[in-house]
Amino acid sequence: MRGRRKPCAATQQEERKHAVSIKIAIKYRRRYNISSMRQRLKTVSGSELMRIIHTGLDKALVRS
């Protein structure tokens, strides 16, 4: 009989995802030094974060 997963396993997985999101946010914050974008990055969740990053990349491409 297979053992059941521990409930803490899901929590660790969520923490890893959050850490990756934060690393991505920091990377793009350094690359595109836009103060309004940095302020928004501090206050959003993961799905919103990816939308903001892609929007910021599109704006940066238009400017160059």
PDB file of N, CA and C in Angstrom:
ATOM      1  N   MET A   1       0.838  -1.175   0.000  1.00  0.00           N
ATOM      2  CA  MET A   1       0.000   0.000   0.000  1.00  0.00           C
ATOM      3  C   MET A   1       0.887   1.243   0.000  1.00  0.00           C
ATOM      4  N   ARG A   2       0.536   2.170  -0.843  1.00  0.00           N
ATOM      5  CA  ARG A   2       1.326   3.395  -0.929  1.00  0.00           C
ATOM      6  C   ARG A   2       1.031   4.314   0.253  1.00  0.00           C
ATOM      7  N   GLY A   3       2.064   4.981   0.692  1.00  0.00           N
ATOM      8  CA  GLY A   3       1.879   5.918   1.795  1.00  0.00           C
ATOM      9  C   GLY A   3       1.275   7.234   1.316  1.00  0.00           C
ATOM     10  N   ARG A   4       0.599   7.902   2.195  1.00  0.00           N
ATOM     11  CA  ARG A   4       0.015   9.196   1.844  1.00  0.00           C
ATOM     12  C   ARG A   4       1.085  10.268   1.921  1.00  0.00           C
ATOM     13  N   ARG A   5       0.918  11.294   1.095  1.00  0.00           N
ATOM     14  CA  ARG A   5       1.865  12.402   1.127  1.00  0.00           C
ATOM     15  C   ARG A   5       1.657  13.236   2.378  1.00  0.00           C
ATOM     16  N   LYS A   6       2.714  13.767   2.861  1.00  0.00           N
ATOM     17  CA  LYS A   6       2.624  14.623   4.033  1.00  0.00           C
ATOM     18  C   LYS A   6       2.011  15.968   3.626  1.00  0.00           C
ATOM     19  N   PRO A   7       1.202  16.555   4.464  1.00  0.00           N
ATOM     20  CA  PRO A   7       0.579  17.832   4.114  1.00  0.00           C
ATOM     21  C   PRO A   7       1.591  18.962   3.946  1.00  0.00           C
ATOM     22  N   CYS A   8       2.747  18.853   4.560  1.00  0.00           N
ATOM     23  CA  CYS A   8       3.734  19.923   4.450  1.00  0.00           C
ATOM     24  C   CYS A   8       4.403  19.944   3.076  1.00  0.00           C
ATOM     25  N   ALA A   9       4.287  18.886   2.293  1.00  0.00           N
ATOM     26  CA  ALA A   9       4.911  18.838   0.967  1.00  0.00           C
ATOM     27  C   ALA A   9       4.341  19.913   0.054  1.00  0.00           C
ATOM     28  N   ALA A  10       3.049  20.148   0.128  1.00  0.00           N
ATOM     29  CA  ALA A  10       2.424  21.181  -0.700  1.00  0.00           C
ATOM     30  C   ALA A  10       2.940  22.560  -0.314  1.00  0.00           C
ATOM     31  N   THR A  11       3.129  22.786   0.953  1.00  0.00           N
ATOM     32  CA  THR A  11       3.626  24.072   1.423  1.00  0.00           C
ATOM     33  C   THR A  11       5.029  24.328   0.893  1.00  0.00           C
ATOM     34  N   GLN A  12       5.883  23.332   0.909  1.00  0.00           N
ATOM     35  CA  GLN A  12       7.242  23.499   0.400  1.00  0.00           C
ATOM     36  C   GLN A  12       7.228  23.815  -1.087  1.00  0.00           C
ATOM     37  N   GLN A  13       6.342  23.181  -1.838  1.00  0.00           N
ATOM     38  CA  GLN A  13       6.258  23.427  -3.269  1.00  0.00           C
ATOM     39  C   GLN A  13       5.815  24.865  -3.533  1.00  0.00           C
ATOM     40  N   GLU A  14       4.851  25.359  -2.774  1.00  0.00           N
ATOM     41  CA  GLU A  14       4.393  26.736  -2.926  1.00  0.00           C
ATOM     42  C   GLU A  14       5.513  27.715  -2.587  1.00  0.00           C
ATOM     43  N   GLU A  15       6.285  27.414  -1.565  1.00  0.00           N
ATOM     44  CA  GLU A  15       7.388  28.287  -1.184  1.00  0.00           C
ATOM     45  C   GLU A  15       8.430  28.351  -2.294  1.00  0.00           C
ATOM     46  N   ARG A  16       8.704  27.222  -2.947  1.00  0.00           N
ATOM     47  CA  ARG A  16       9.656  27.208  -4.058  1.00  0.00           C
ATOM     48  C   ARG A  16       9.155  28.071  -5.208  1.00  0.00           C
ATOM     49  N   LYS A  17       7.876  27.940  -5.540  1.00  0.00           N
ATOM     50  CA  LYS A  17       7.307  28.743  -6.625  1.00  0.00           C
ATOM     51  C   LYS A  17       7.409  30.227  -6.298  1.00  0.00           C
ATOM     52  N   HIS A  18       7.138  30.576  -5.053  1.00  0.00           N
ATOM     53  CA  HIS A  18       7.212  31.973  -4.635  1.00  0.00           C
ATOM     54  C   HIS A  18       8.644  32.489  -4.753  1.00  0.00           C
ATOM     55  N   ALA A  19       9.608  31.673  -4.346  1.00  0.00           N
ATOM     56  CA  ALA A  19      11.012  32.074  -4.422  1.00  0.00           C
ATOM     57  C   ALA A  19      11.433  32.307  -5.864  1.00  0.00           C
ATOM     58  N   VAL A  20      10.974  31.464  -6.779  1.00  0.00           N
ATOM     59  CA  VAL A  20      11.306  31.629  -8.195  1.00  0.00           C
ATOM     60  C   VAL A  20      10.690  32.914  -8.719  1.00  0.00           C
ATOM     61  N   SER A  21       9.448  33.209  -8.353  1.00  0.00           N
ATOM     62  CA  SER A  21       8.785  34.439  -8.783  1.00  0.00           C
ATOM     63  C   SER A  21       9.548  35.664  -8.304  1.00  0.00           C
ATOM     64  N   ILE A  22      10.005  35.625  -7.072  1.00  0.00           N
ATOM     65  CA  ILE A  22      10.748  36.751  -6.523  1.00  0.00           C
ATOM     66  C   ILE A  22      12.069  36.930  -7.258  1.00  0.00           C
ATOM     67  N   LYS A  23      12.757  35.832  -7.580  1.00  0.00           N
ATOM     68  CA  LYS A  23      14.018  35.923  -8.317  1.00  0.00           C
ATOM     69  C   LYS A  23      13.795  36.546  -9.688  1.00  0.00           C
ATOM     70  N   ILE A  24      12.721  36.148 -10.366  1.00  0.00           N
ATOM     71  CA  ILE A  24      12.400  36.715 -11.678  1.00  0.00           C
ATOM     72  C   ILE A  24      12.109  38.205 -11.542  1.00  0.00           C
ATOM     73  N   ALA A  25      11.353  38.573 -10.532  1.00  0.00           N
ATOM     74  CA  ALA A  25      11.015  39.979 -10.315  1.00  0.00           C
ATOM     75  C   ALA A  25      12.266  40.814 -10.080  1.00  0.00           C
ATOM     76  N   ILE A  26      13.180  40.311  -9.279  1.00  0.00           N
ATOM     77  CA  ILE A  26      14.418  41.042  -8.992  1.00  0.00           C
ATOM     78  C   ILE A  26      15.251  41.187 -10.260  1.00  0.00           C
ATOM     79  N   LYS A  27      15.320  40.133 -11.056  1.00  0.00           N
ATOM     80  CA  LYS A  27      16.093  40.167 -12.297  1.00  0.00           C
ATOM     81  C   LYS A  27      15.578  41.267 -13.223  1.00  0.00           C
ATOM     82  N   TYR A  28      14.265  41.324 -13.422  1.00  0.00           N
ATOM     83  CA  TYR A  28      13.702  42.322 -14.320  1.00  0.00           C
ATOM     84  C   TYR A  28      13.703  43.708 -13.700  1.00  0.00           C
ATOM     85  N   ARG A  29      13.631  43.798 -12.388  1.00  0.00           N
ATOM     86  CA  ARG A  29      13.687  45.100 -11.733  1.00  0.00           C
ATOM     87  C   ARG A  29      15.053  45.740 -11.969  1.00  0.00           C
ATOM     88  N   ARG A  30      16.094  44.932 -11.916  1.00  0.00           N
ATOM     89  CA  ARG A  30      17.440  45.454 -12.167  1.00  0.00           C
ATOM     90  C   ARG A  30      17.612  45.842 -13.628  1.00  0.00           C
ATOM     91  N   ARG A  31      17.034  45.055 -14.513  1.00  0.00           N
ATOM     92  CA  ARG A  31      17.216  45.298 -15.939  1.00  0.00           C
ATOM     93  C   ARG A  31      16.433  46.521 -16.415  1.00  0.00           C
ATOM     94  N   TYR A  32      15.197  46.664 -15.977  1.00  0.00           N
ATOM     95  CA  TYR A  32      14.352  47.785 -16.370  1.00  0.00           C
ATOM     96  C   TYR A  32      14.071  48.609 -15.125  1.00  0.00           C
ATOM     97  N   ASN A  33      14.818  49.658 -14.949  1.00  0.00           N
ATOM     98  CA  ASN A  33      14.723  50.461 -13.734  1.00  0.00           C
ATOM     99  C   ASN A  33      13.572  51.464 -13.862  1.00  0.00           C
ATOM    100  N   ILE A  34      12.356  50.955 -13.814  1.00  0.00           N
ATOM    101  CA  ILE A  34      11.165  51.787 -13.935  1.00  0.00           C
ATOM    102  C   ILE A  34      10.505  51.805 -12.562  1.00  0.00           C
ATOM    103  N   SER A  35      10.430  52.980 -11.948  1.00  0.00           N
ATOM    104  CA  SER A  35       9.960  53.050 -10.558  1.00  0.00           C
ATOM    105  C   SER A  35       8.524  52.568 -10.396  1.00  0.00           C
ATOM    106  N   SER A  36       7.639  52.907 -11.316  1.00  0.00           N
ATOM    107  CA  SER A  36       6.250  52.455 -11.182  1.00  0.00           C
ATOM    108  C   SER A  36       6.160  50.941 -11.304  1.00  0.00           C
ATOM    109  N   MET A  37       6.976  50.368 -12.176  1.00  0.00           N
ATOM    110  CA  MET A  37       6.976  48.919 -12.338  1.00  0.00           C
ATOM    111  C   MET A  37       7.507  48.256 -11.068  1.00  0.00           C
ATOM    112  N   ARG A  38       8.550  48.829 -10.475  1.00  0.00           N
ATOM    113  CA  ARG A  38       9.098  48.266  -9.244  1.00  0.00           C
ATOM    114  C   ARG A  38       8.069  48.311  -8.124  1.00  0.00           C
ATOM    115  N   GLN A  39       7.321  49.406  -8.032  1.00  0.00           N
ATOM    116  CA  GLN A  39       6.307  49.523  -6.987  1.00  0.00           C
ATOM    117  C   GLN A  39       5.234  48.458  -7.169  1.00  0.00           C
ATOM    118  N   ARG A  40       4.817  48.211  -8.406  1.00  0.00           N
ATOM    119  CA  ARG A  40       3.794  47.207  -8.677  1.00  0.00           C
ATOM    120  C   ARG A  40       4.321  45.804  -8.392  1.00  0.00           C
ATOM    121  N   LEU A  41       5.585  45.551  -8.660  1.00  0.00           N
ATOM    122  CA  LEU A  41       6.154  44.231  -8.417  1.00  0.00           C
ATOM    123  C   LEU A  41       6.131  43.873  -6.933  1.00  0.00           C
ATOM    124  N   LYS A  42       6.212  44.873  -6.076  1.00  0.00           N
ATOM    125  CA  LYS A  42       6.225  44.613  -4.637  1.00  0.00           C
ATOM    126  C   LYS A  42       4.862  44.160  -4.124  1.00  0.00           C
ATOM    127  N   THR A  43       3.793  44.495  -4.852  1.00  0.00           N
ATOM    128  CA  THR A  43       2.456  44.307  -4.292  1.00  0.00           C
ATOM    129  C   THR A  43       1.597  43.286  -5.023  1.00  0.00           C
ATOM    130  N   VAL A  44       2.154  42.506  -5.950  1.00  0.00           N
ATOM    131  CA  VAL A  44       1.315  41.601  -6.737  1.00  0.00           C
ATOM    132  C   VAL A  44       1.620  40.137  -6.460  1.00  0.00           C
ATOM    133  N   SER A  45       0.713  39.276  -6.911  1.00  0.00           N
ATOM    134  CA  SER A  45       0.897  37.829  -6.765  1.00  0.00           C
ATOM    135  C   SER A  45       1.588  37.272  -8.006  1.00  0.00           C
ATOM    136  N   GLY A  46       1.780  35.965  -8.060  1.00  0.00           N
ATOM    137  CA  GLY A  46       2.527  35.320  -9.142  1.00  0.00           C
ATOM    138  C   GLY A  46       1.954  35.523 -10.529  1.00  0.00           C
ATOM    139  N   SER A  47       0.652  35.300 -10.732  1.00  0.00           N
ATOM    140  CA  SER A  47       0.074  35.431 -12.070  1.00  0.00           C
ATOM    141  C   SER A  47       0.096  36.880 -12.533  1.00  0.00           C
ATOM    142  N   GLU A  48      -0.187  37.808 -11.621  1.00  0.00           N
ATOM    143  CA  GLU A  48      -0.122  39.220 -11.976  1.00  0.00           C
ATOM    144  C   GLU A  48       1.316  39.629 -12.268  1.00  0.00           C
ATOM    145  N   LEU A  49       2.250  39.054 -11.543  1.00  0.00           N
ATOM    146  CA  LEU A  49       3.662  39.355 -11.729  1.00  0.00           C
ATOM    147  C   LEU A  49       4.108  39.044 -13.149  1.00  0.00           C
ATOM    148  N   MET A  50       3.739  37.876 -13.659  1.00  0.00           N
ATOM    149  CA  MET A  50       4.139  37.501 -15.012  1.00  0.00           C
ATOM    150  C   MET A  50       3.517  38.439 -16.041  1.00  0.00           C
ATOM    151  N   ARG A  51       2.271  38.852 -15.818  1.00  0.00           N
ATOM    152  CA  ARG A  51       1.608  39.778 -16.742  1.00  0.00           C
ATOM    153  C   ARG A  51       2.342  41.117 -16.752  1.00  0.00           C
ATOM    154  N   ILE A  52       2.724  41.607 -15.591  1.00  0.00           N
ATOM    155  CA  ILE A  52       3.428  42.883 -15.489  1.00  0.00           C
ATOM    156  C   ILE A  52       4.797  42.800 -16.144  1.00  0.00           C
ATOM    157  N   ILE A  53       5.499  41.699 -15.935  1.00  0.00           N
ATOM    158  CA  ILE A  53       6.825  41.536 -16.531  1.00  0.00           C
ATOM    159  C   ILE A  53       6.724  41.552 -18.048  1.00  0.00           C
ATOM    160  N   HIS A  54       5.763  40.817 -18.598  1.00  0.00           N
ATOM    161  CA  HIS A  54       5.614  40.786 -20.051  1.00  0.00           C
ATOM    162  C   HIS A  54       5.206  42.150 -20.588  1.00  0.00           C
ATOM    163  N   THR A  55       4.363  42.880 -19.879  1.00  0.00           N
ATOM    164  CA  THR A  55       3.975  44.225 -20.290  1.00  0.00           C
ATOM    165  C   THR A  55       5.191  45.138 -20.275  1.00  0.00           C
ATOM    166  N   GLY A  56       6.005  45.032 -19.233  1.00  0.00           N
ATOM    167  CA  GLY A  56       7.218  45.843 -19.144  1.00  0.00           C
ATOM    168  C   GLY A  56       8.198  45.533 -20.252  1.00  0.00           C
ATOM    169  N   LEU A  57       8.324  44.275 -20.617  1.00  0.00           N
ATOM    170  CA  LEU A  57       9.215  43.895 -21.710  1.00  0.00           C
ATOM    171  C   LEU A  57       8.718  44.463 -23.029  1.00  0.00           C
ATOM    172  N   ASP A  58       7.411  44.420 -23.250  1.00  0.00           N
ATOM    173  CA  ASP A  58       6.845  44.982 -24.475  1.00  0.00           C
ATOM    174  C   ASP A  58       7.117  46.476 -24.564  1.00  0.00           C
ATOM    175  N   LYS A  59       6.944  47.191 -23.465  1.00  0.00           N
ATOM    176  CA  LYS A  59       7.201  48.632 -23.447  1.00  0.00           C
ATOM    177  C   LYS A  59       8.675  48.918 -23.716  1.00  0.00           C
ATOM    178  N   ALA A  60       9.559  48.117 -23.133  1.00  0.00           N
ATOM    179  CA  ALA A  60      10.998  48.318 -23.326  1.00  0.00           C
ATOM    180  C   ALA A  60      11.384  48.089 -24.781  1.00  0.00           C
ATOM    181  N   LEU A  61      10.771  47.109 -25.424  1.00  0.00           N
ATOM    182  CA  LEU A  61      11.062  46.850 -26.834  1.00  0.00           C
ATOM    183  C   LEU A  61      10.579  47.990 -27.715  1.00  0.00           C
ATOM    184  N   VAL A  62       9.454  48.583 -27.375  1.00  0.00           N
ATOM    185  CA  VAL A  62       8.920  49.704 -28.153  1.00  0.00           C
ATOM    186  C   VAL A  62       9.836  50.911 -28.021  1.00  0.00           C
ATOM    187  N   ARG A  63      10.372  51.139 -26.835  1.00  0.00           N
ATOM    188  CA  ARG A  63      11.253  52.290 -26.608  1.00  0.00           C
ATOM    189  C   ARG A  63      12.578  52.173 -27.349  1.00  0.00           C
ATOM    190  N   SER A  64      13.096  50.946 -27.536  1.00  0.00           N
ATOM    191  CA  SER A  64      14.411  50.802 -28.163  1.00  0.00           C
ATOM    192  C   SER A  64      14.372  50.862 -29.655  1.00  0.00           C
TER     193      SER A  64
END
